N, C-alpha and C. Protein backbone atom coordinates (compact mmCIF):
# COMPACT_ATOMS: atom_id res chain seq x y z
N MET A 1 -0.58 18.25 -19.83
CA MET A 1 -1.51 19.15 -20.48
C MET A 1 -0.85 20.50 -20.63
N SER A 2 -0.97 21.09 -21.78
CA SER A 2 -0.38 22.41 -22.00
C SER A 2 -1.20 23.48 -21.27
N LYS A 3 -0.55 24.60 -21.03
CA LYS A 3 -1.24 25.71 -20.36
C LYS A 3 -2.40 26.22 -21.20
N ILE A 4 -2.25 26.18 -22.52
CA ILE A 4 -3.32 26.65 -23.41
C ILE A 4 -4.54 25.73 -23.31
N HIS A 5 -4.31 24.41 -23.31
CA HIS A 5 -5.44 23.48 -23.18
C HIS A 5 -6.11 23.61 -21.82
N PHE A 6 -5.31 23.80 -20.79
CA PHE A 6 -5.86 23.99 -19.46
C PHE A 6 -6.74 25.24 -19.44
N PHE A 7 -6.23 26.33 -20.02
CA PHE A 7 -6.96 27.59 -20.07
C PHE A 7 -8.29 27.42 -20.82
N LYS A 8 -8.27 26.70 -21.94
CA LYS A 8 -9.49 26.46 -22.71
C LYS A 8 -10.51 25.66 -21.90
N THR A 9 -10.02 24.67 -21.16
CA THR A 9 -10.91 23.88 -20.30
C THR A 9 -11.54 24.77 -19.23
N ALA A 10 -10.73 25.63 -18.64
CA ALA A 10 -11.24 26.55 -17.61
C ALA A 10 -12.28 27.50 -18.17
N LEU A 11 -12.09 27.94 -19.40
CA LEU A 11 -13.07 28.84 -20.01
C LEU A 11 -14.40 28.15 -20.28
N ARG A 12 -14.34 26.86 -20.60
CA ARG A 12 -15.57 26.10 -20.90
C ARG A 12 -16.32 25.68 -19.64
N ASP A 13 -15.61 25.58 -18.52
CA ASP A 13 -16.22 25.10 -17.29
C ASP A 13 -15.94 26.09 -16.17
N TYR A 14 -16.94 26.87 -15.80
CA TYR A 14 -16.74 27.90 -14.78
C TYR A 14 -16.36 27.34 -13.42
N LYS A 15 -16.56 26.04 -13.20
CA LYS A 15 -16.23 25.45 -11.91
C LYS A 15 -14.75 25.09 -11.79
N VAL A 16 -13.99 25.21 -12.87
CA VAL A 16 -12.55 25.02 -12.78
C VAL A 16 -12.01 26.25 -12.07
N GLY A 17 -11.25 26.04 -11.01
CA GLY A 17 -10.85 27.14 -10.14
C GLY A 17 -9.62 27.91 -10.56
N ALA A 18 -8.94 27.50 -11.63
CA ALA A 18 -7.73 28.18 -12.05
C ALA A 18 -7.70 28.25 -13.57
N PHE A 19 -6.85 29.13 -14.08
CA PHE A 19 -6.70 29.24 -15.52
C PHE A 19 -5.42 28.59 -16.02
N THR A 20 -4.56 28.21 -15.10
CA THR A 20 -3.32 27.52 -15.45
C THR A 20 -3.08 26.39 -14.45
N PRO A 21 -2.33 25.36 -14.85
CA PRO A 21 -2.01 24.30 -13.89
C PRO A 21 -1.15 24.85 -12.75
N SER A 22 -1.16 24.17 -11.64
CA SER A 22 -0.33 24.58 -10.51
C SER A 22 1.14 24.50 -10.90
N SER A 23 1.91 25.48 -10.46
CA SER A 23 3.34 25.53 -10.78
C SER A 23 4.11 24.48 -9.99
N SER A 24 5.30 24.21 -10.43
CA SER A 24 6.17 23.27 -9.71
C SER A 24 6.46 23.79 -8.30
N PHE A 25 6.43 25.10 -8.12
CA PHE A 25 6.68 25.68 -6.80
C PHE A 25 5.54 25.36 -5.83
N VAL A 26 4.31 25.39 -6.33
CA VAL A 26 3.16 25.02 -5.50
C VAL A 26 3.24 23.54 -5.16
N VAL A 27 3.55 22.73 -6.14
CA VAL A 27 3.67 21.28 -5.91
C VAL A 27 4.72 21.01 -4.83
N LYS A 28 5.86 21.65 -4.93
CA LYS A 28 6.94 21.45 -3.94
C LYS A 28 6.50 21.90 -2.55
N GLN A 29 5.77 23.02 -2.47
CA GLN A 29 5.29 23.50 -1.17
C GLN A 29 4.31 22.50 -0.54
N ILE A 30 3.43 21.94 -1.36
CA ILE A 30 2.47 20.97 -0.84
C ILE A 30 3.20 19.73 -0.33
N LEU A 31 4.14 19.23 -1.10
CA LEU A 31 4.89 18.04 -0.68
C LEU A 31 5.69 18.32 0.59
N LYS A 32 6.25 19.52 0.69
CA LYS A 32 7.04 19.89 1.87
C LYS A 32 6.16 19.94 3.13
N LYS A 33 4.91 20.30 2.95
CA LYS A 33 3.98 20.44 4.08
C LYS A 33 3.28 19.12 4.42
N LEU A 34 3.62 18.08 3.69
CA LEU A 34 3.02 16.76 3.88
C LEU A 34 4.09 15.82 4.42
N PRO A 35 4.11 15.58 5.73
CA PRO A 35 5.16 14.71 6.28
C PRO A 35 5.08 13.30 5.71
N HIS A 36 6.21 12.61 5.76
CA HIS A 36 6.27 11.25 5.19
C HIS A 36 5.24 10.30 5.82
N HIS A 37 4.97 10.46 7.11
CA HIS A 37 4.00 9.57 7.75
C HIS A 37 2.55 9.87 7.31
N SER A 38 2.37 10.97 6.58
CA SER A 38 1.02 11.35 6.12
C SER A 38 0.83 11.10 4.62
N ARG A 39 1.59 10.18 4.06
CA ARG A 39 1.55 9.98 2.62
C ARG A 39 1.03 8.61 2.20
N THR A 40 0.36 7.91 3.09
CA THR A 40 -0.11 6.57 2.74
C THR A 40 -1.53 6.57 2.20
N CYS A 41 -2.42 7.29 2.85
CA CYS A 41 -3.83 7.34 2.43
C CYS A 41 -4.23 8.81 2.25
N ILE A 42 -4.36 9.23 0.99
CA ILE A 42 -4.60 10.64 0.67
C ILE A 42 -5.82 10.77 -0.22
N ILE A 43 -6.57 11.83 0.02
CA ILE A 43 -7.69 12.21 -0.85
C ILE A 43 -7.35 13.57 -1.44
N GLU A 44 -7.59 13.71 -2.73
CA GLU A 44 -7.36 14.99 -3.39
C GLU A 44 -8.70 15.52 -3.89
N TYR A 45 -9.13 16.66 -3.32
CA TYR A 45 -10.35 17.32 -3.77
C TYR A 45 -9.98 18.21 -4.97
N GLY A 46 -10.57 17.92 -6.12
CA GLY A 46 -10.31 18.75 -7.30
C GLY A 46 -8.94 18.45 -7.90
N ALA A 47 -8.77 17.25 -8.41
CA ALA A 47 -7.46 16.82 -8.93
C ALA A 47 -7.07 17.51 -10.23
N GLY A 48 -8.02 18.12 -10.91
CA GLY A 48 -7.70 18.86 -12.13
C GLY A 48 -7.01 18.00 -13.17
N ASP A 49 -5.93 18.53 -13.73
CA ASP A 49 -5.22 17.82 -14.79
C ASP A 49 -4.21 16.80 -14.27
N GLY A 50 -4.08 16.68 -12.96
CA GLY A 50 -3.23 15.65 -12.38
C GLY A 50 -1.81 16.07 -12.04
N VAL A 51 -1.50 17.34 -12.11
CA VAL A 51 -0.14 17.79 -11.79
C VAL A 51 0.23 17.41 -10.36
N ILE A 52 -0.64 17.73 -9.42
CA ILE A 52 -0.36 17.40 -8.02
C ILE A 52 -0.56 15.91 -7.78
N THR A 53 -1.53 15.31 -8.45
CA THR A 53 -1.79 13.88 -8.33
C THR A 53 -0.53 13.08 -8.64
N LYS A 54 0.12 13.40 -9.75
CA LYS A 54 1.34 12.69 -10.16
C LYS A 54 2.45 12.86 -9.13
N ALA A 55 2.61 14.08 -8.63
CA ALA A 55 3.65 14.34 -7.63
C ALA A 55 3.37 13.57 -6.34
N LEU A 56 2.10 13.52 -5.93
CA LEU A 56 1.75 12.76 -4.73
C LEU A 56 2.09 11.28 -4.92
N LEU A 57 1.74 10.73 -6.08
CA LEU A 57 2.04 9.32 -6.36
C LEU A 57 3.54 9.06 -6.36
N ASP A 58 4.31 10.01 -6.88
CA ASP A 58 5.77 9.86 -6.90
C ASP A 58 6.36 9.82 -5.49
N HIS A 59 5.65 10.38 -4.52
CA HIS A 59 6.17 10.48 -3.15
C HIS A 59 5.42 9.60 -2.16
N MET A 60 4.57 8.73 -2.66
CA MET A 60 3.81 7.83 -1.79
C MET A 60 4.50 6.47 -1.71
N PRO A 61 4.27 5.75 -0.62
CA PRO A 61 4.80 4.39 -0.55
C PRO A 61 4.07 3.46 -1.51
N ARG A 62 4.66 2.31 -1.76
CA ARG A 62 4.08 1.34 -2.71
C ARG A 62 2.71 0.85 -2.28
N ASP A 63 2.47 0.82 -0.97
CA ASP A 63 1.18 0.34 -0.48
C ASP A 63 0.20 1.50 -0.24
N GLY A 64 0.54 2.68 -0.75
CA GLY A 64 -0.31 3.85 -0.55
C GLY A 64 -1.57 3.82 -1.40
N LYS A 65 -2.46 4.73 -1.10
CA LYS A 65 -3.73 4.86 -1.83
C LYS A 65 -4.04 6.34 -1.97
N LEU A 66 -4.32 6.75 -3.21
CA LEU A 66 -4.69 8.13 -3.49
C LEU A 66 -6.03 8.13 -4.21
N ILE A 67 -6.98 8.84 -3.63
CA ILE A 67 -8.29 8.98 -4.26
C ILE A 67 -8.39 10.40 -4.79
N ALA A 68 -8.52 10.52 -6.10
CA ALA A 68 -8.60 11.82 -6.77
C ALA A 68 -10.05 12.09 -7.14
N ILE A 69 -10.61 13.15 -6.57
CA ILE A 69 -12.00 13.52 -6.84
C ILE A 69 -12.00 14.69 -7.81
N GLU A 70 -12.77 14.53 -8.88
CA GLU A 70 -12.82 15.57 -9.91
C GLU A 70 -14.19 15.54 -10.57
N MET A 71 -14.69 16.71 -10.97
CA MET A 71 -16.00 16.81 -11.64
C MET A 71 -15.88 16.94 -13.15
N ASN A 72 -14.86 17.65 -13.60
CA ASN A 72 -14.75 18.00 -15.02
C ASN A 72 -14.41 16.77 -15.87
N PRO A 73 -15.24 16.43 -16.85
CA PRO A 73 -15.01 15.24 -17.69
C PRO A 73 -13.68 15.27 -18.45
N HIS A 74 -13.26 16.45 -18.89
CA HIS A 74 -11.99 16.56 -19.60
C HIS A 74 -10.83 16.19 -18.67
N PHE A 75 -10.87 16.70 -17.44
CA PHE A 75 -9.82 16.37 -16.48
C PHE A 75 -9.89 14.90 -16.07
N ILE A 76 -11.09 14.36 -15.97
CA ILE A 76 -11.23 12.92 -15.65
C ILE A 76 -10.50 12.09 -16.71
N ALA A 77 -10.67 12.44 -17.97
CA ALA A 77 -10.00 11.72 -19.05
C ALA A 77 -8.48 11.79 -18.90
N LEU A 78 -7.97 12.94 -18.50
CA LEU A 78 -6.52 13.08 -18.29
C LEU A 78 -6.05 12.26 -17.09
N LEU A 79 -6.83 12.27 -16.03
CA LEU A 79 -6.47 11.49 -14.84
C LEU A 79 -6.44 9.99 -15.15
N LYS A 80 -7.33 9.55 -16.02
CA LYS A 80 -7.38 8.13 -16.37
C LYS A 80 -6.15 7.68 -17.15
N LYS A 81 -5.39 8.62 -17.67
CA LYS A 81 -4.15 8.30 -18.37
C LYS A 81 -3.00 8.02 -17.41
N ILE A 82 -3.22 8.30 -16.14
CA ILE A 82 -2.22 8.00 -15.12
C ILE A 82 -2.41 6.54 -14.72
N HIS A 83 -1.51 5.71 -15.12
CA HIS A 83 -1.65 4.27 -14.85
C HIS A 83 -0.85 3.92 -13.60
N ASP A 84 -1.53 3.92 -12.50
CA ASP A 84 -0.91 3.59 -11.21
C ASP A 84 -1.98 2.89 -10.38
N PRO A 85 -1.70 1.67 -9.91
CA PRO A 85 -2.72 0.94 -9.15
C PRO A 85 -3.09 1.60 -7.82
N ARG A 86 -2.28 2.53 -7.36
CA ARG A 86 -2.58 3.21 -6.09
C ARG A 86 -3.62 4.31 -6.27
N LEU A 87 -3.89 4.69 -7.52
CA LEU A 87 -4.80 5.80 -7.81
C LEU A 87 -6.21 5.30 -8.09
N GLN A 88 -7.16 5.89 -7.40
CA GLN A 88 -8.58 5.65 -7.67
C GLN A 88 -9.20 7.00 -8.01
N ILE A 89 -9.86 7.08 -9.16
CA ILE A 89 -10.47 8.32 -9.62
C ILE A 89 -11.97 8.26 -9.33
N VAL A 90 -12.47 9.31 -8.70
CA VAL A 90 -13.89 9.40 -8.39
C VAL A 90 -14.43 10.65 -9.05
N GLN A 91 -15.40 10.48 -9.94
CA GLN A 91 -16.01 11.63 -10.59
C GLN A 91 -17.23 12.05 -9.78
N GLY A 92 -17.21 13.31 -9.37
CA GLY A 92 -18.35 13.79 -8.61
C GLY A 92 -18.08 15.08 -7.89
N ASP A 93 -19.09 15.51 -7.18
CA ASP A 93 -19.09 16.76 -6.42
C ASP A 93 -18.48 16.52 -5.05
N VAL A 94 -17.43 17.28 -4.73
CA VAL A 94 -16.75 17.13 -3.45
C VAL A 94 -17.71 17.30 -2.27
N LEU A 95 -18.63 18.24 -2.37
CA LEU A 95 -19.57 18.47 -1.27
C LEU A 95 -20.36 17.21 -0.95
N LYS A 96 -20.84 16.53 -1.97
CA LYS A 96 -21.60 15.29 -1.76
C LYS A 96 -20.70 14.16 -1.29
N ILE A 97 -19.52 14.05 -1.87
CA ILE A 97 -18.62 12.94 -1.54
C ILE A 97 -18.06 13.09 -0.13
N CYS A 98 -17.74 14.32 0.29
CA CYS A 98 -17.12 14.47 1.62
C CYS A 98 -18.09 14.14 2.75
N LYS A 99 -19.38 14.18 2.47
CA LYS A 99 -20.36 13.79 3.49
C LYS A 99 -20.32 12.28 3.75
N ASN A 100 -19.74 11.53 2.82
CA ASN A 100 -19.69 10.07 2.93
C ASN A 100 -18.29 9.55 2.66
N LEU A 101 -17.27 10.19 3.24
CA LEU A 101 -15.89 9.78 2.98
C LEU A 101 -15.61 8.34 3.39
N SER A 102 -16.34 7.84 4.38
CA SER A 102 -16.12 6.46 4.81
C SER A 102 -16.47 5.46 3.71
N GLU A 103 -17.31 5.86 2.76
CA GLU A 103 -17.66 4.99 1.64
C GLU A 103 -16.49 4.76 0.69
N LEU A 104 -15.44 5.57 0.80
CA LEU A 104 -14.27 5.40 -0.05
C LEU A 104 -13.40 4.22 0.41
N LYS A 105 -13.72 3.69 1.56
CA LYS A 105 -13.09 2.47 2.09
C LYS A 105 -11.58 2.58 2.26
N LEU A 106 -11.13 3.70 2.76
CA LEU A 106 -9.72 3.84 3.13
C LEU A 106 -9.56 3.38 4.57
N PRO A 107 -8.45 2.74 4.92
CA PRO A 107 -8.27 2.33 6.31
C PRO A 107 -8.20 3.53 7.25
N ARG A 108 -7.72 4.64 6.71
CA ARG A 108 -7.66 5.91 7.44
C ARG A 108 -7.42 6.99 6.39
N ILE A 109 -7.53 8.23 6.77
CA ILE A 109 -7.23 9.33 5.86
C ILE A 109 -6.12 10.15 6.50
N ASP A 110 -4.93 10.06 5.91
CA ASP A 110 -3.76 10.78 6.43
C ASP A 110 -3.78 12.25 6.03
N ALA A 111 -4.26 12.52 4.82
CA ALA A 111 -4.25 13.90 4.33
C ALA A 111 -5.31 14.10 3.27
N VAL A 112 -5.80 15.33 3.22
CA VAL A 112 -6.68 15.76 2.14
C VAL A 112 -6.02 17.00 1.54
N ILE A 113 -5.81 16.96 0.23
CA ILE A 113 -5.22 18.07 -0.50
C ILE A 113 -6.34 18.66 -1.35
N SER A 114 -6.49 19.98 -1.32
CA SER A 114 -7.61 20.57 -2.04
C SER A 114 -7.22 21.82 -2.82
N GLY A 115 -7.57 21.80 -4.09
CA GLY A 115 -7.42 22.98 -4.93
C GLY A 115 -8.76 23.45 -5.46
N ILE A 116 -9.85 22.91 -4.90
CA ILE A 116 -11.17 23.31 -5.40
C ILE A 116 -11.43 24.77 -5.07
N PRO A 117 -12.18 25.47 -5.90
CA PRO A 117 -12.48 26.88 -5.65
C PRO A 117 -13.59 27.03 -4.61
N PHE A 118 -13.22 27.21 -3.37
CA PHE A 118 -14.22 27.31 -2.30
C PHE A 118 -15.10 28.54 -2.44
N SER A 119 -14.69 29.51 -3.25
CA SER A 119 -15.54 30.69 -3.46
C SER A 119 -16.82 30.33 -4.21
N PHE A 120 -16.86 29.15 -4.84
CA PHE A 120 -18.06 28.71 -5.54
C PHE A 120 -19.08 28.08 -4.60
N PHE A 121 -18.70 27.88 -3.35
CA PHE A 121 -19.60 27.30 -2.36
C PHE A 121 -20.11 28.41 -1.45
N ASN A 122 -21.30 28.21 -0.91
CA ASN A 122 -21.78 29.19 0.07
C ASN A 122 -21.14 28.88 1.42
N SER A 123 -21.36 29.75 2.38
CA SER A 123 -20.72 29.64 3.69
C SER A 123 -21.06 28.30 4.38
N ASN A 124 -22.31 27.91 4.32
CA ASN A 124 -22.73 26.65 4.93
C ASN A 124 -22.03 25.46 4.28
N GLU A 125 -21.90 25.47 2.97
CA GLU A 125 -21.24 24.37 2.26
C GLU A 125 -19.75 24.32 2.58
N ARG A 126 -19.10 25.47 2.69
CA ARG A 126 -17.68 25.50 3.08
C ARG A 126 -17.51 24.92 4.47
N ASP A 127 -18.44 25.27 5.36
CA ASP A 127 -18.40 24.75 6.73
C ASP A 127 -18.56 23.23 6.74
N ILE A 128 -19.47 22.71 5.95
CA ILE A 128 -19.69 21.26 5.87
C ILE A 128 -18.42 20.56 5.40
N ILE A 129 -17.78 21.09 4.36
CA ILE A 129 -16.56 20.46 3.84
C ILE A 129 -15.46 20.47 4.90
N ALA A 130 -15.27 21.60 5.57
CA ALA A 130 -14.24 21.69 6.62
C ALA A 130 -14.53 20.72 7.76
N LYS A 131 -15.78 20.68 8.21
CA LYS A 131 -16.17 19.82 9.33
C LYS A 131 -16.03 18.34 8.97
N GLN A 132 -16.56 17.94 7.82
CA GLN A 132 -16.50 16.53 7.42
C GLN A 132 -15.06 16.08 7.21
N THR A 133 -14.26 16.94 6.62
CA THR A 133 -12.85 16.60 6.41
C THR A 133 -12.16 16.44 7.76
N PHE A 134 -12.38 17.37 8.67
CA PHE A 134 -11.79 17.27 10.01
C PHE A 134 -12.19 15.96 10.69
N GLN A 135 -13.47 15.65 10.66
CA GLN A 135 -13.96 14.45 11.35
C GLN A 135 -13.38 13.16 10.79
N LYS A 136 -13.13 13.12 9.48
CA LYS A 136 -12.68 11.87 8.85
C LYS A 136 -11.16 11.71 8.84
N LEU A 137 -10.42 12.81 9.06
CA LEU A 137 -8.97 12.70 9.08
C LEU A 137 -8.50 11.90 10.29
N SER A 138 -7.44 11.13 10.11
CA SER A 138 -6.86 10.41 11.23
C SER A 138 -6.14 11.40 12.16
N GLU A 139 -5.78 10.92 13.34
CA GLU A 139 -5.05 11.77 14.27
C GLU A 139 -3.77 12.25 13.61
N HIS A 140 -3.47 13.51 13.73
CA HIS A 140 -2.33 14.18 13.10
C HIS A 140 -2.48 14.29 11.58
N GLY A 141 -3.68 14.00 11.06
CA GLY A 141 -3.93 14.16 9.63
C GLY A 141 -3.91 15.63 9.25
N ARG A 142 -3.67 15.88 7.97
CA ARG A 142 -3.56 17.26 7.50
C ARG A 142 -4.54 17.55 6.36
N PHE A 143 -5.09 18.75 6.42
CA PHE A 143 -5.94 19.27 5.36
C PHE A 143 -5.15 20.42 4.75
N ILE A 144 -4.69 20.24 3.51
CA ILE A 144 -3.88 21.24 2.83
C ILE A 144 -4.70 21.83 1.68
N ILE A 145 -4.87 23.14 1.74
CA ILE A 145 -5.68 23.85 0.74
C ILE A 145 -4.79 24.87 0.05
N TYR A 146 -4.85 24.90 -1.27
CA TYR A 146 -4.15 25.94 -2.03
C TYR A 146 -5.19 26.69 -2.85
N GLN A 147 -5.20 28.02 -2.68
CA GLN A 147 -6.26 28.87 -3.24
C GLN A 147 -5.73 30.26 -3.57
N VAL A 148 -6.50 31.01 -4.32
CA VAL A 148 -6.13 32.40 -4.62
C VAL A 148 -6.48 33.34 -3.47
N SER A 149 -7.24 32.87 -2.50
CA SER A 149 -7.57 33.70 -1.33
C SER A 149 -7.57 32.82 -0.08
N PRO A 150 -7.42 33.43 1.08
CA PRO A 150 -7.47 32.67 2.34
C PRO A 150 -8.89 32.46 2.87
N LEU A 151 -9.85 32.39 1.98
CA LEU A 151 -11.27 32.28 2.31
C LEU A 151 -11.55 31.16 3.32
N MET A 152 -10.85 30.05 3.22
CA MET A 152 -11.14 28.89 4.09
C MET A 152 -10.48 28.98 5.45
N PHE A 153 -9.61 29.94 5.66
CA PHE A 153 -8.88 30.02 6.93
C PHE A 153 -9.80 30.05 8.16
N PRO A 154 -10.86 30.87 8.20
CA PRO A 154 -11.74 30.86 9.38
C PRO A 154 -12.44 29.52 9.60
N TYR A 155 -12.75 28.81 8.53
CA TYR A 155 -13.39 27.50 8.66
C TYR A 155 -12.41 26.48 9.22
N LEU A 156 -11.17 26.58 8.80
CA LEU A 156 -10.15 25.69 9.33
C LEU A 156 -9.94 25.97 10.83
N LYS A 157 -9.88 27.26 11.20
CA LYS A 157 -9.69 27.63 12.61
C LYS A 157 -10.82 27.11 13.49
N LYS A 158 -12.00 27.02 12.94
CA LYS A 158 -13.16 26.56 13.70
C LYS A 158 -13.00 25.10 14.14
N TYR A 159 -12.40 24.27 13.30
CA TYR A 159 -12.32 22.83 13.59
C TYR A 159 -10.92 22.35 13.95
N PHE A 160 -9.92 22.89 13.34
CA PHE A 160 -8.55 22.43 13.56
C PHE A 160 -7.91 23.31 14.63
N LYS A 161 -8.01 22.89 15.86
CA LYS A 161 -7.53 23.70 16.98
C LYS A 161 -6.02 23.52 17.21
N LYS A 162 -5.46 22.42 16.73
CA LYS A 162 -4.06 22.09 17.03
C LYS A 162 -3.08 23.04 16.35
N LYS A 163 -3.13 23.07 15.03
CA LYS A 163 -2.13 23.85 14.32
C LYS A 163 -2.62 24.20 12.92
N ILE A 164 -2.52 25.49 12.58
CA ILE A 164 -2.86 25.94 11.23
C ILE A 164 -1.77 26.90 10.76
N ASN A 165 -1.27 26.65 9.57
CA ASN A 165 -0.26 27.53 8.98
C ASN A 165 -0.81 28.12 7.69
N LEU A 166 -0.44 29.35 7.45
CA LEU A 166 -0.83 30.04 6.22
C LEU A 166 0.44 30.59 5.58
N SER A 167 0.65 30.24 4.31
CA SER A 167 1.79 30.78 3.57
C SER A 167 1.29 31.27 2.21
N PHE A 168 2.17 31.91 1.49
CA PHE A 168 1.81 32.49 0.21
C PHE A 168 2.88 32.13 -0.81
N GLU A 169 2.47 31.56 -1.92
CA GLU A 169 3.41 31.19 -2.98
C GLU A 169 3.21 32.12 -4.16
N VAL A 170 4.17 33.04 -4.34
CA VAL A 170 4.05 34.03 -5.41
C VAL A 170 4.49 33.47 -6.77
N ARG A 171 5.21 32.36 -6.76
CA ARG A 171 5.72 31.80 -8.01
C ARG A 171 4.68 30.87 -8.66
N ASN A 172 3.49 31.37 -8.75
CA ASN A 172 2.39 30.68 -9.40
C ASN A 172 1.53 31.76 -10.04
N PHE A 173 0.84 31.41 -11.11
CA PHE A 173 -0.09 32.37 -11.69
C PHE A 173 -1.48 31.79 -11.67
N PRO A 174 -2.38 32.39 -10.92
CA PRO A 174 -2.14 33.48 -9.98
C PRO A 174 -1.45 32.95 -8.72
N PRO A 175 -0.88 33.85 -7.91
CA PRO A 175 -0.26 33.40 -6.65
C PRO A 175 -1.29 32.71 -5.76
N TYR A 176 -0.81 31.76 -4.97
CA TYR A 176 -1.70 30.97 -4.11
C TYR A 176 -1.38 31.15 -2.63
N PHE A 177 -2.44 31.17 -1.84
CA PHE A 177 -2.32 30.97 -0.40
C PHE A 177 -2.32 29.46 -0.18
N ILE A 178 -1.46 28.99 0.68
CA ILE A 178 -1.43 27.58 1.03
C ILE A 178 -1.71 27.48 2.52
N MET A 179 -2.80 26.82 2.84
CA MET A 179 -3.23 26.64 4.23
C MET A 179 -3.05 25.19 4.63
N VAL A 180 -2.43 24.99 5.79
CA VAL A 180 -2.20 23.64 6.29
C VAL A 180 -2.81 23.55 7.69
N ALA A 181 -3.79 22.67 7.84
CA ALA A 181 -4.45 22.49 9.13
C ALA A 181 -4.18 21.05 9.59
N GLU A 182 -3.66 20.93 10.80
CA GLU A 182 -3.34 19.61 11.35
C GLU A 182 -4.33 19.25 12.46
N LYS A 183 -4.82 18.02 12.41
CA LYS A 183 -5.77 17.56 13.40
C LYS A 183 -5.04 17.18 14.68
């Protein structure tokens, strides 16, 4: 998807959290923060146009499973163009879906990658997403969030006591904070 088409989609749908696709630098940072043992069963909150989805699939084992959750119908259409049997696309609201992650029928959840705009959720909803994600992740599972602000950091600290890292990727427009919380 071109940057112009992405921008137009973002203008039409206020729930799209960015005006441009994630840069290759953000994609590389996410992959670097995702150990090889955490690449078999992954959920992506807010898959958007599939830039990160494609990279995850390129780095997953053949028996891996990636569930991409997205609300925007235009992005759903783009995700459906990715022909990979390991990919399952779920159209819906992350808040509702994360309350029932076990219904996705994954043997375990190694990682959750999220680019959804948490600023669109109230404090209670952000807490629910952080808590439900923590509870459903397997031992040593990771919740990786990339955002324009570190808004989710306190919610991650509340549940992920083991290890939380915060970095900043300036080679993206806009620059992103990348938060990695390990269970």
